[in-house]
Amino acid sequence: MPCWRGCCFGAGDAKQYTRLALMGLAKEKLSADELIKATGLGLRDLTPGELARIVKHVAGAGFDPNGLERAGGRLAGISWDGQVLKGSSKIPPGVAHYLRHVVFGQEWPAGTTIENYYHDLKAVIQDPESEIFVSRFGEFWQIGFVRKSNELRGPEGHEFVIIDYRVAIGHWVTGFQPKTLSEVIDNDHRTEIKWLRIMK
């Protein structure tokens, strides 16, 4: 009977260990990203300490500072950093989401700066009242944080704020206030949803 970390296990556990080993997840201490992937795959449950480590990791990740994405039609004509944007303009992801959801969408209160926006998303991730779920979006593993918008709700805002973090890039990929949670959770591209924290 094989042994791992000083514990012997049977055939079923050995099969699970083989899966862990093949994915590079059979280690004494997994990184936050490895823990997200392992729990998403259903290979293990998280301890409270591991979940806290993931929250800290994701809160500090921010948007990819080196990434670029198209501004898109919604942002055409908006001024940013001394230039008037075109739909084809390439801007950092954090700027793109700020302009889409705060400036254009008015989901946040008037006067919210980009620094305020980043701070608000980090606060939602760290809030012990936020619900947390792991999912696969297309081919990518992600972890999402959902909380009532409360004081963050602007003139065109909605009831909830959601932030998604993508393991493959190690950064946030969105932070916004959806019209309904179902449009996010029930998205056809999102599968294998596993809730890690649900508030009553």
N, C-alpha and C. Protein backbone atom coordinates (compact mmCIF):
# COMPACT_ATOMS: atom_id res chain seq x y z
N MET A 1 0.85 -1.18 0.00
CA MET A 1 0.00 0.00 0.00
C MET A 1 0.90 1.24 0.00
N PRO A 2 0.73 2.18 -1.01
CA PRO A 2 1.60 3.33 -1.07
C PRO A 2 1.40 4.27 0.12
N CYS A 3 2.44 5.02 0.43
CA CYS A 3 2.36 6.00 1.52
C CYS A 3 2.76 7.37 1.01
N TRP A 4 2.10 8.39 1.56
CA TRP A 4 2.41 9.77 1.20
C TRP A 4 2.28 10.62 2.45
N ARG A 5 3.29 11.41 2.74
CA ARG A 5 3.30 12.26 3.93
C ARG A 5 3.08 11.44 5.19
N GLY A 6 3.59 10.22 5.18
CA GLY A 6 3.52 9.40 6.39
C GLY A 6 2.21 8.69 6.59
N CYS A 7 1.27 8.77 5.61
CA CYS A 7 -0.03 8.12 5.77
C CYS A 7 -0.22 7.08 4.67
N CYS A 8 -0.67 5.90 5.03
CA CYS A 8 -0.95 4.87 4.04
C CYS A 8 -2.38 5.02 3.54
N PHE A 9 -2.59 4.69 2.24
CA PHE A 9 -3.94 4.79 1.72
C PHE A 9 -4.22 3.66 0.74
N GLY A 10 -5.50 3.45 0.47
CA GLY A 10 -5.93 2.35 -0.38
C GLY A 10 -5.93 2.70 -1.85
N ALA A 11 -6.57 1.81 -2.64
CA ALA A 11 -6.54 1.94 -4.09
C ALA A 11 -7.16 3.25 -4.58
N GLY A 12 -8.31 3.63 -3.99
CA GLY A 12 -8.97 4.88 -4.40
C GLY A 12 -8.11 6.10 -4.13
N ASP A 13 -7.50 6.13 -2.95
CA ASP A 13 -6.63 7.24 -2.60
C ASP A 13 -5.37 7.25 -3.45
N ALA A 14 -4.87 6.06 -3.78
CA ALA A 14 -3.68 5.97 -4.62
C ALA A 14 -3.96 6.56 -6.00
N LYS A 15 -5.18 6.30 -6.52
CA LYS A 15 -5.57 6.84 -7.82
C LYS A 15 -5.62 8.38 -7.76
N GLN A 16 -6.16 8.90 -6.66
CA GLN A 16 -6.21 10.36 -6.49
C GLN A 16 -4.81 10.94 -6.40
N TYR A 17 -3.93 10.25 -5.68
CA TYR A 17 -2.55 10.73 -5.57
C TYR A 17 -1.88 10.76 -6.94
N THR A 18 -2.17 9.74 -7.77
CA THR A 18 -1.60 9.70 -9.12
C THR A 18 -2.05 10.91 -9.92
N ARG A 19 -3.33 11.28 -9.80
CA ARG A 19 -3.84 12.48 -10.49
C ARG A 19 -3.14 13.73 -9.98
N LEU A 20 -2.98 13.82 -8.69
CA LEU A 20 -2.27 14.96 -8.10
C LEU A 20 -0.84 15.04 -8.64
N ALA A 21 -0.17 13.89 -8.67
CA ALA A 21 1.22 13.86 -9.12
C ALA A 21 1.34 14.28 -10.58
N LEU A 22 0.41 13.80 -11.42
CA LEU A 22 0.44 14.15 -12.84
C LEU A 22 0.22 15.64 -13.06
N MET A 23 -0.51 16.27 -12.17
CA MET A 23 -0.78 17.71 -12.29
C MET A 23 0.21 18.55 -11.52
N GLY A 24 1.19 17.91 -10.93
CA GLY A 24 2.19 18.66 -10.17
C GLY A 24 1.67 19.17 -8.85
N LEU A 25 0.59 18.56 -8.33
CA LEU A 25 -0.05 19.05 -7.11
C LEU A 25 0.21 18.16 -5.90
N ALA A 26 1.04 17.14 -6.06
CA ALA A 26 1.35 16.26 -4.93
C ALA A 26 2.58 16.78 -4.20
N LYS A 27 2.37 17.84 -3.46
CA LYS A 27 3.47 18.48 -2.75
C LYS A 27 3.05 18.75 -1.31
N GLU A 28 4.04 18.94 -0.46
CA GLU A 28 3.76 19.21 0.96
C GLU A 28 2.97 20.50 1.13
N LYS A 29 3.39 21.55 0.40
CA LYS A 29 2.70 22.83 0.50
C LYS A 29 2.45 23.40 -0.88
N LEU A 30 1.18 23.56 -1.23
CA LEU A 30 0.81 24.09 -2.54
C LEU A 30 0.76 25.60 -2.49
N SER A 31 1.06 26.22 -3.63
CA SER A 31 0.92 27.68 -3.75
C SER A 31 -0.57 28.01 -3.78
N ALA A 32 -0.90 29.28 -3.64
CA ALA A 32 -2.30 29.71 -3.69
C ALA A 32 -2.95 29.31 -5.01
N ASP A 33 -2.24 29.50 -6.11
CA ASP A 33 -2.79 29.14 -7.42
C ASP A 33 -2.99 27.63 -7.54
N GLU A 34 -2.07 26.86 -7.02
CA GLU A 34 -2.21 25.40 -7.05
C GLU A 34 -3.38 24.94 -6.19
N LEU A 35 -3.61 25.61 -5.08
CA LEU A 35 -4.75 25.28 -4.22
C LEU A 35 -6.07 25.55 -4.93
N ILE A 36 -6.13 26.67 -5.66
CA ILE A 36 -7.35 27.00 -6.41
C ILE A 36 -7.63 25.91 -7.43
N LYS A 37 -6.61 25.51 -8.16
CA LYS A 37 -6.77 24.48 -9.18
C LYS A 37 -7.15 23.14 -8.55
N ALA A 38 -6.50 22.77 -7.46
CA ALA A 38 -6.76 21.48 -6.82
C ALA A 38 -8.19 21.40 -6.30
N THR A 39 -8.66 22.48 -5.68
CA THR A 39 -10.04 22.44 -5.16
C THR A 39 -11.05 22.51 -6.29
N GLY A 40 -10.72 23.23 -7.37
CA GLY A 40 -11.61 23.26 -8.53
C GLY A 40 -11.76 21.90 -9.17
N LEU A 41 -10.68 21.15 -9.20
CA LEU A 41 -10.70 19.80 -9.77
C LEU A 41 -11.35 18.79 -8.84
N GLY A 42 -11.66 19.22 -7.62
CA GLY A 42 -12.28 18.32 -6.65
C GLY A 42 -11.30 17.36 -6.03
N LEU A 43 -10.01 17.70 -6.07
CA LEU A 43 -8.99 16.81 -5.54
C LEU A 43 -8.80 16.97 -4.04
N ARG A 44 -9.27 18.10 -3.51
CA ARG A 44 -9.13 18.30 -2.06
C ARG A 44 -9.98 19.49 -1.63
N ASP A 45 -10.30 19.51 -0.33
CA ASP A 45 -10.97 20.65 0.27
C ASP A 45 -9.93 21.55 0.90
N LEU A 46 -10.28 22.81 1.03
CA LEU A 46 -9.34 23.77 1.61
C LEU A 46 -9.54 23.88 3.12
N THR A 47 -8.45 24.08 3.83
CA THR A 47 -8.54 24.40 5.25
C THR A 47 -8.82 25.90 5.36
N PRO A 48 -9.32 26.38 6.50
CA PRO A 48 -9.52 27.83 6.67
C PRO A 48 -8.24 28.62 6.44
N GLY A 49 -7.11 28.08 6.87
CA GLY A 49 -5.84 28.77 6.67
C GLY A 49 -5.47 28.87 5.20
N GLU A 50 -5.75 27.82 4.44
CA GLU A 50 -5.45 27.84 3.00
C GLU A 50 -6.35 28.83 2.27
N LEU A 51 -7.63 28.88 2.66
CA LEU A 51 -8.53 29.85 2.03
C LEU A 51 -8.07 31.27 2.34
N ALA A 52 -7.63 31.51 3.56
CA ALA A 52 -7.12 32.83 3.94
C ALA A 52 -5.89 33.19 3.11
N ARG A 53 -5.06 32.20 2.82
CA ARG A 53 -3.85 32.44 2.02
C ARG A 53 -4.23 32.79 0.58
N ILE A 54 -5.25 32.13 0.05
CA ILE A 54 -5.72 32.43 -1.29
C ILE A 54 -6.28 33.85 -1.35
N VAL A 55 -7.09 34.21 -0.35
CA VAL A 55 -7.68 35.56 -0.31
C VAL A 55 -6.58 36.62 -0.31
N LYS A 56 -5.57 36.43 0.52
CA LYS A 56 -4.46 37.39 0.59
C LYS A 56 -3.74 37.48 -0.75
N HIS A 57 -3.51 36.35 -1.37
CA HIS A 57 -2.81 36.30 -2.66
C HIS A 57 -3.61 37.04 -3.73
N VAL A 58 -4.90 36.74 -3.83
CA VAL A 58 -5.73 37.34 -4.87
C VAL A 58 -5.90 38.84 -4.63
N ALA A 59 -6.07 39.24 -3.37
CA ALA A 59 -6.23 40.67 -3.05
C ALA A 59 -5.03 41.48 -3.50
N GLY A 60 -3.85 40.89 -3.44
CA GLY A 60 -2.64 41.60 -3.83
C GLY A 60 -2.29 41.49 -5.30
N ALA A 61 -3.07 40.72 -6.07
CA ALA A 61 -2.70 40.45 -7.46
C ALA A 61 -2.97 41.61 -8.41
N GLY A 62 -4.11 42.28 -8.25
CA GLY A 62 -4.47 43.37 -9.15
C GLY A 62 -4.64 42.91 -10.59
N PHE A 63 -4.86 43.88 -11.47
CA PHE A 63 -4.92 43.60 -12.91
C PHE A 63 -3.49 43.47 -13.44
N ASP A 64 -3.33 42.82 -14.55
CA ASP A 64 -2.02 42.62 -15.16
C ASP A 64 -1.42 43.97 -15.57
N PRO A 65 -0.34 44.43 -14.93
CA PRO A 65 0.22 45.74 -15.25
C PRO A 65 0.94 45.77 -16.60
N ASN A 66 1.24 44.60 -17.13
CA ASN A 66 1.95 44.54 -18.41
C ASN A 66 1.05 44.16 -19.59
N GLY A 67 -0.22 43.89 -19.28
CA GLY A 67 -1.15 43.47 -20.33
C GLY A 67 -1.71 44.66 -21.10
N LEU A 68 -2.24 44.39 -22.27
CA LEU A 68 -2.92 45.39 -23.08
C LEU A 68 -4.15 44.75 -23.70
N GLU A 69 -5.23 45.51 -23.80
CA GLU A 69 -6.42 45.02 -24.47
C GLU A 69 -7.09 46.16 -25.23
N ARG A 70 -7.89 45.78 -26.22
CA ARG A 70 -8.58 46.80 -27.02
C ARG A 70 -9.59 47.54 -26.17
N ALA A 71 -9.66 48.84 -26.37
CA ALA A 71 -10.62 49.66 -25.61
C ALA A 71 -12.05 49.25 -25.95
N GLY A 72 -12.33 48.98 -27.22
CA GLY A 72 -13.67 48.60 -27.63
C GLY A 72 -14.55 49.83 -27.90
N GLY A 73 -15.65 49.58 -28.58
CA GLY A 73 -16.52 50.68 -29.02
C GLY A 73 -17.09 51.54 -27.91
N ARG A 74 -17.36 50.93 -26.75
CA ARG A 74 -17.94 51.71 -25.65
C ARG A 74 -17.05 52.85 -25.21
N LEU A 75 -15.73 52.67 -25.34
CA LEU A 75 -14.80 53.67 -24.82
C LEU A 75 -14.30 54.63 -25.89
N ALA A 76 -14.74 54.42 -27.13
CA ALA A 76 -14.31 55.33 -28.21
C ALA A 76 -14.77 56.75 -27.89
N GLY A 77 -13.85 57.69 -27.96
CA GLY A 77 -14.16 59.10 -27.69
C GLY A 77 -13.86 59.54 -26.27
N ILE A 78 -13.61 58.60 -25.36
CA ILE A 78 -13.26 58.95 -23.99
C ILE A 78 -11.78 59.33 -23.93
N SER A 79 -11.46 60.38 -23.19
CA SER A 79 -10.07 60.81 -23.04
C SER A 79 -9.41 60.08 -21.88
N TRP A 80 -8.19 59.60 -22.12
CA TRP A 80 -7.42 58.95 -21.06
C TRP A 80 -5.94 59.17 -21.30
N ASP A 81 -5.25 59.64 -20.28
CA ASP A 81 -3.81 59.82 -20.32
C ASP A 81 -3.37 60.66 -21.53
N GLY A 82 -4.13 61.73 -21.77
CA GLY A 82 -3.77 62.68 -22.81
C GLY A 82 -4.16 62.29 -24.22
N GLN A 83 -4.90 61.20 -24.38
CA GLN A 83 -5.33 60.83 -25.73
C GLN A 83 -6.81 60.49 -25.75
N VAL A 84 -7.42 60.73 -26.90
CA VAL A 84 -8.82 60.35 -27.10
C VAL A 84 -8.82 58.93 -27.64
N LEU A 85 -9.47 58.04 -26.93
CA LEU A 85 -9.43 56.63 -27.29
C LEU A 85 -10.28 56.30 -28.52
N LYS A 86 -9.78 55.35 -29.29
CA LYS A 86 -10.53 54.74 -30.38
C LYS A 86 -10.89 53.32 -29.92
N GLY A 87 -11.82 52.70 -30.61
CA GLY A 87 -12.16 51.32 -30.26
C GLY A 87 -10.97 50.39 -30.36
N SER A 88 -10.05 50.72 -31.26
CA SER A 88 -8.88 49.87 -31.49
C SER A 88 -7.70 50.21 -30.58
N SER A 89 -7.83 51.26 -29.78
CA SER A 89 -6.73 51.66 -28.89
C SER A 89 -6.41 50.54 -27.91
N LYS A 90 -5.12 50.32 -27.64
CA LYS A 90 -4.70 49.32 -26.67
C LYS A 90 -4.38 50.00 -25.34
N ILE A 91 -5.02 49.54 -24.28
CA ILE A 91 -4.83 50.12 -22.95
C ILE A 91 -4.68 49.00 -21.92
N PRO A 92 -4.07 49.28 -20.75
CA PRO A 92 -3.92 48.25 -19.72
C PRO A 92 -5.29 47.73 -19.26
N PRO A 93 -5.39 46.45 -18.90
CA PRO A 93 -6.67 45.87 -18.48
C PRO A 93 -7.35 46.63 -17.34
N GLY A 94 -6.57 47.05 -16.33
CA GLY A 94 -7.16 47.77 -15.21
C GLY A 94 -7.80 49.07 -15.65
N VAL A 95 -7.13 49.79 -16.55
CA VAL A 95 -7.67 51.04 -17.10
C VAL A 95 -8.94 50.74 -17.89
N ALA A 96 -8.90 49.70 -18.71
CA ALA A 96 -10.06 49.33 -19.52
C ALA A 96 -11.28 49.06 -18.65
N HIS A 97 -11.10 48.31 -17.58
CA HIS A 97 -12.24 47.98 -16.72
C HIS A 97 -12.72 49.19 -15.93
N TYR A 98 -11.79 50.03 -15.51
CA TYR A 98 -12.17 51.26 -14.82
C TYR A 98 -13.01 52.15 -15.75
N LEU A 99 -12.55 52.35 -16.96
CA LEU A 99 -13.27 53.21 -17.89
C LEU A 99 -14.63 52.62 -18.27
N ARG A 100 -14.68 51.30 -18.46
CA ARG A 100 -15.95 50.66 -18.84
C ARG A 100 -16.99 50.72 -17.73
N HIS A 101 -16.56 50.38 -16.51
CA HIS A 101 -17.53 50.20 -15.43
C HIS A 101 -17.72 51.41 -14.53
N VAL A 102 -16.72 52.25 -14.43
CA VAL A 102 -16.82 53.43 -13.56
C VAL A 102 -17.13 54.68 -14.35
N VAL A 103 -16.34 54.97 -15.39
CA VAL A 103 -16.52 56.20 -16.16
C VAL A 103 -17.70 56.09 -17.12
N PHE A 104 -17.69 55.09 -17.98
CA PHE A 104 -18.77 54.93 -18.95
C PHE A 104 -20.02 54.34 -18.30
N GLY A 105 -19.87 53.25 -17.58
CA GLY A 105 -21.03 52.55 -17.02
C GLY A 105 -21.63 53.19 -15.80
N GLN A 106 -20.89 54.05 -15.10
CA GLN A 106 -21.36 54.73 -13.87
C GLN A 106 -21.88 53.74 -12.83
N GLU A 107 -21.22 52.58 -12.75
CA GLU A 107 -21.61 51.60 -11.75
C GLU A 107 -21.13 52.01 -10.35
N TRP A 108 -20.09 52.81 -10.29
CA TRP A 108 -19.55 53.32 -9.03
C TRP A 108 -19.98 54.77 -8.83
N PRO A 109 -19.94 55.28 -7.60
CA PRO A 109 -20.33 56.67 -7.34
C PRO A 109 -19.49 57.66 -8.15
N ALA A 110 -20.10 58.79 -8.48
CA ALA A 110 -19.41 59.85 -9.21
C ALA A 110 -18.16 60.27 -8.43
N GLY A 111 -17.09 60.53 -9.15
CA GLY A 111 -15.85 60.96 -8.51
C GLY A 111 -14.92 59.84 -8.13
N THR A 112 -15.32 58.57 -8.38
CA THR A 112 -14.46 57.44 -8.07
C THR A 112 -13.24 57.45 -8.99
N THR A 113 -12.06 57.52 -8.41
CA THR A 113 -10.83 57.52 -9.20
C THR A 113 -10.41 56.08 -9.49
N ILE A 114 -9.44 55.92 -10.36
CA ILE A 114 -8.97 54.57 -10.67
C ILE A 114 -8.34 53.93 -9.43
N GLU A 115 -7.68 54.75 -8.60
CA GLU A 115 -7.12 54.24 -7.35
C GLU A 115 -8.22 53.79 -6.40
N ASN A 116 -9.33 54.57 -6.35
CA ASN A 116 -10.48 54.18 -5.54
C ASN A 116 -11.05 52.84 -6.01
N TYR A 117 -11.16 52.71 -7.32
CA TYR A 117 -11.71 51.49 -7.94
C TYR A 117 -10.88 50.27 -7.57
N TYR A 118 -9.56 50.37 -7.71
CA TYR A 118 -8.69 49.25 -7.33
C TYR A 118 -8.83 48.93 -5.84
N HIS A 119 -8.88 49.97 -5.01
CA HIS A 119 -9.02 49.79 -3.56
C HIS A 119 -10.34 49.09 -3.24
N ASP A 120 -11.41 49.50 -3.91
CA ASP A 120 -12.72 48.90 -3.67
C ASP A 120 -12.74 47.41 -4.02
N LEU A 121 -12.13 47.06 -5.15
CA LEU A 121 -12.10 45.65 -5.55
C LEU A 121 -11.30 44.83 -4.54
N LYS A 122 -10.18 45.36 -4.10
CA LYS A 122 -9.36 44.66 -3.10
C LYS A 122 -10.14 44.49 -1.79
N ALA A 123 -10.90 45.51 -1.41
CA ALA A 123 -11.68 45.44 -0.17
C ALA A 123 -12.77 44.38 -0.26
N VAL A 124 -13.40 44.25 -1.43
CA VAL A 124 -14.43 43.22 -1.62
C VAL A 124 -13.81 41.83 -1.49
N ILE A 125 -12.64 41.64 -2.08
CA ILE A 125 -11.95 40.35 -1.99
C ILE A 125 -11.63 40.00 -0.53
N GLN A 126 -11.20 41.00 0.23
CA GLN A 126 -10.80 40.77 1.62
C GLN A 126 -11.96 40.74 2.60
N ASP A 127 -13.14 41.16 2.17
CA ASP A 127 -14.29 41.23 3.07
C ASP A 127 -14.74 39.83 3.49
N PRO A 128 -14.79 39.53 4.79
CA PRO A 128 -15.23 38.21 5.25
C PRO A 128 -16.69 37.91 4.91
N GLU A 129 -17.44 38.93 4.50
CA GLU A 129 -18.84 38.73 4.09
C GLU A 129 -18.96 38.38 2.61
N SER A 130 -17.86 38.44 1.86
CA SER A 130 -17.92 38.11 0.43
C SER A 130 -18.02 36.60 0.24
N GLU A 131 -18.84 36.20 -0.74
CA GLU A 131 -18.93 34.80 -1.09
C GLU A 131 -17.83 34.49 -2.10
N ILE A 132 -17.36 33.24 -2.10
CA ILE A 132 -16.21 32.87 -2.92
C ILE A 132 -16.53 31.59 -3.68
N PHE A 133 -16.19 31.57 -4.95
CA PHE A 133 -16.41 30.35 -5.74
C PHE A 133 -15.27 30.14 -6.74
N VAL A 134 -14.98 28.89 -7.01
CA VAL A 134 -14.02 28.51 -8.04
C VAL A 134 -14.81 28.02 -9.24
N SER A 135 -14.32 28.31 -10.44
CA SER A 135 -14.98 27.83 -11.65
C SER A 135 -13.96 27.71 -12.77
N ARG A 136 -14.38 27.03 -13.81
CA ARG A 136 -13.58 26.99 -15.03
C ARG A 136 -14.29 27.89 -16.04
N PHE A 137 -13.57 28.88 -16.56
CA PHE A 137 -14.15 29.78 -17.56
C PHE A 137 -13.46 29.46 -18.89
N GLY A 138 -14.19 28.77 -19.77
CA GLY A 138 -13.53 28.24 -20.95
C GLY A 138 -12.54 27.19 -20.49
N GLU A 139 -11.28 27.39 -20.82
CA GLU A 139 -10.25 26.44 -20.39
C GLU A 139 -9.51 26.91 -19.15
N PHE A 140 -9.88 28.05 -18.60
CA PHE A 140 -9.11 28.66 -17.51
C PHE A 140 -9.78 28.50 -16.15
N TRP A 141 -8.97 28.16 -15.13
CA TRP A 141 -9.47 28.12 -13.76
C TRP A 141 -9.49 29.54 -13.19
N GLN A 142 -10.59 29.88 -12.52
CA GLN A 142 -10.74 31.21 -11.93
C GLN A 142 -11.32 31.08 -10.53
N ILE A 143 -11.12 32.12 -9.74
CA ILE A 143 -11.78 32.22 -8.44
C ILE A 143 -12.49 33.56 -8.39
N GLY A 144 -13.75 33.53 -7.98
CA GLY A 144 -14.56 34.74 -7.97
C GLY A 144 -14.97 35.14 -6.56
N PHE A 145 -15.15 36.43 -6.37
CA PHE A 145 -15.57 37.00 -5.09
C PHE A 145 -16.80 37.87 -5.35
N VAL A 146 -17.87 37.63 -4.57
CA VAL A 146 -19.14 38.32 -4.76
C VAL A 146 -19.59 38.94 -3.45
N ARG A 147 -20.01 40.22 -3.52
CA ARG A 147 -20.52 40.89 -2.33
C ARG A 147 -21.56 41.91 -2.74
N LYS A 148 -22.47 42.24 -1.85
CA LYS A 148 -23.42 43.31 -2.11
C LYS A 148 -22.65 44.61 -2.38
N SER A 149 -23.11 45.39 -3.31
CA SER A 149 -22.39 46.61 -3.68
C SER A 149 -22.46 47.68 -2.60
N ASN A 150 -23.58 47.76 -1.89
CA ASN A 150 -23.73 48.71 -0.78
C ASN A 150 -23.22 50.11 -1.14
N GLU A 151 -22.19 50.59 -0.41
CA GLU A 151 -21.69 51.95 -0.60
C GLU A 151 -20.97 52.15 -1.93
N LEU A 152 -20.70 51.06 -2.64
CA LEU A 152 -19.99 51.16 -3.93
C LEU A 152 -20.95 51.35 -5.10
N ARG A 153 -22.24 51.30 -4.83
CA ARG A 153 -23.23 51.39 -5.92
C ARG A 153 -23.40 52.83 -6.40
N GLY A 154 -23.17 53.02 -7.70
CA GLY A 154 -23.31 54.34 -8.30
C GLY A 154 -24.66 54.53 -8.94
N PRO A 155 -24.84 55.62 -9.69
CA PRO A 155 -26.15 55.93 -10.28
C PRO A 155 -26.66 54.85 -11.24
N GLU A 156 -25.76 54.15 -11.91
CA GLU A 156 -26.17 53.07 -12.82
C GLU A 156 -25.67 51.71 -12.32
N GLY A 157 -25.37 51.64 -11.03
CA GLY A 157 -24.85 50.42 -10.44
C GLY A 157 -25.93 49.40 -10.15
N HIS A 158 -25.49 48.24 -9.65
CA HIS A 158 -26.41 47.15 -9.38
C HIS A 158 -26.14 46.55 -8.00
N GLU A 159 -26.87 45.51 -7.67
CA GLU A 159 -26.89 45.00 -6.30
C GLU A 159 -25.58 44.35 -5.84
N PHE A 160 -24.84 43.77 -6.77
CA PHE A 160 -23.64 43.03 -6.40
C PHE A 160 -22.39 43.52 -7.12
N VAL A 161 -21.24 43.27 -6.49
CA VAL A 161 -19.94 43.47 -7.12
C VAL A 161 -19.32 42.08 -7.27
N ILE A 162 -18.67 41.84 -8.40
CA ILE A 162 -17.96 40.57 -8.58
C ILE A 162 -16.56 40.83 -9.13
N ILE A 163 -15.60 40.11 -8.60
CA ILE A 163 -14.22 40.16 -9.09
C ILE A 163 -13.82 38.75 -9.45
N ASP A 164 -13.25 38.57 -10.63
CA ASP A 164 -12.74 37.27 -11.06
C ASP A 164 -11.22 37.35 -11.20
N TYR A 165 -10.55 36.34 -10.67
CA TYR A 165 -9.09 36.19 -10.76
C TYR A 165 -8.80 34.95 -11.57
N ARG A 166 -7.87 35.05 -12.54
CA ARG A 166 -7.54 33.91 -13.40
C ARG A 166 -6.18 33.34 -13.03
N VAL A 167 -6.17 32.04 -12.72
CA VAL A 167 -4.94 31.38 -12.29
C VAL A 167 -3.85 31.45 -13.37
N ALA A 168 -4.22 31.26 -14.63
CA ALA A 168 -3.24 31.18 -15.71
C ALA A 168 -2.38 32.43 -15.85
N ILE A 169 -2.94 33.60 -15.52
CA ILE A 169 -2.16 34.84 -15.65
C ILE A 169 -1.78 35.42 -14.29
N GLY A 170 -2.41 34.92 -13.22
CA GLY A 170 -2.08 35.40 -11.88
C GLY A 170 -2.57 36.80 -11.59
N HIS A 171 -3.68 37.21 -12.24
CA HIS A 171 -4.21 38.56 -12.04
C HIS A 171 -5.73 38.56 -12.14
N TRP A 172 -6.33 39.67 -11.69
CA TRP A 172 -7.77 39.87 -11.87
C TRP A 172 -8.06 39.98 -13.37
N VAL A 173 -9.24 39.52 -13.77
CA VAL A 173 -9.64 39.69 -15.17
C VAL A 173 -10.89 40.54 -15.29
N THR A 174 -11.57 40.79 -14.20
CA THR A 174 -12.71 41.71 -14.24
C THR A 174 -13.09 42.14 -12.83
N GLY A 175 -13.77 43.26 -12.75
CA GLY A 175 -14.34 43.74 -11.49
C GLY A 175 -15.47 44.69 -11.84
N PHE A 176 -16.72 44.25 -11.63
CA PHE A 176 -17.85 45.07 -12.07
C PHE A 176 -19.11 44.74 -11.29
N GLN A 177 -20.20 45.44 -11.62
CA GLN A 177 -21.48 45.22 -10.98
C GLN A 177 -22.47 44.70 -12.02
N PRO A 178 -22.66 43.38 -12.07
CA PRO A 178 -23.55 42.81 -13.09
C PRO A 178 -25.01 43.17 -12.83
N LYS A 179 -25.79 43.20 -13.90
CA LYS A 179 -27.22 43.49 -13.75
C LYS A 179 -27.88 42.42 -12.88
N THR A 180 -27.48 41.17 -13.10
CA THR A 180 -27.94 40.07 -12.25
C THR A 180 -26.77 39.12 -12.04
N LEU A 181 -26.77 38.42 -10.91
CA LEU A 181 -25.71 37.44 -10.67
C LEU A 181 -25.79 36.28 -11.65
N SER A 182 -26.99 35.95 -12.09
CA SER A 182 -27.14 34.80 -12.98
C SER A 182 -26.41 35.02 -14.30
N GLU A 183 -26.29 36.27 -14.75
CA GLU A 183 -25.59 36.51 -16.00
C GLU A 183 -24.10 36.17 -15.88
N VAL A 184 -23.60 36.18 -14.65
CA VAL A 184 -22.20 35.82 -14.40
C VAL A 184 -22.09 34.33 -14.11
N ILE A 185 -22.86 33.85 -13.14
CA ILE A 185 -22.76 32.46 -12.69
C ILE A 185 -23.23 31.49 -13.75
N ASP A 186 -24.31 31.85 -14.47
CA ASP A 186 -24.89 30.94 -15.46
C ASP A 186 -24.36 31.16 -16.87
N ASN A 187 -23.29 31.91 -17.00
CA ASN A 187 -22.67 32.14 -18.30
C ASN A 187 -22.31 30.79 -18.94
N ASP A 188 -22.60 30.63 -20.22
CA ASP A 188 -22.35 29.36 -20.91
C ASP A 188 -20.88 28.96 -20.89
N HIS A 189 -19.98 29.94 -20.75
CA HIS A 189 -18.55 29.64 -20.74
C HIS A 189 -18.06 29.18 -19.36
N ARG A 190 -18.90 29.36 -18.33
CA ARG A 190 -18.48 29.05 -16.96
C ARG A 190 -19.02 27.68 -16.55
N THR A 191 -18.11 26.80 -16.15
CA THR A 191 -18.50 25.44 -15.75
C THR A 191 -17.78 25.06 -14.46
N GLU A 192 -18.12 23.89 -13.94
CA GLU A 192 -17.46 23.29 -12.78
C GLU A 192 -17.39 24.27 -11.59
N ILE A 193 -18.51 24.90 -11.31
CA ILE A 193 -18.58 25.88 -10.22
C ILE A 193 -18.59 25.16 -8.87
N LYS A 194 -17.74 25.63 -7.97
CA LYS A 194 -17.68 25.08 -6.61
C LYS A 194 -17.61 26.25 -5.64
N TRP A 195 -18.62 26.36 -4.78
CA TRP A 195 -18.64 27.45 -3.80
C TRP A 195 -17.77 27.10 -2.60
N LEU A 196 -16.88 28.02 -2.25
CA LEU A 196 -15.99 27.83 -1.12
C LEU A 196 -16.52 28.54 0.12
N ARG A 197 -17.27 29.61 -0.10
CA ARG A 197 -17.88 30.33 1.05
C ARG A 197 -19.20 30.93 0.60
N ILE A 198 -20.26 30.55 1.29
CA ILE A 198 -21.59 31.10 1.03
C ILE A 198 -22.11 31.68 2.33
N MET A 199 -22.50 32.94 2.30
CA MET A 199 -23.00 33.60 3.51
C MET A 199 -24.49 33.33 3.63
N LYS A 200 -24.95 33.11 4.86
CA LYS A 200 -26.37 32.84 5.11
C LYS A 200 -27.11 34.15 5.35
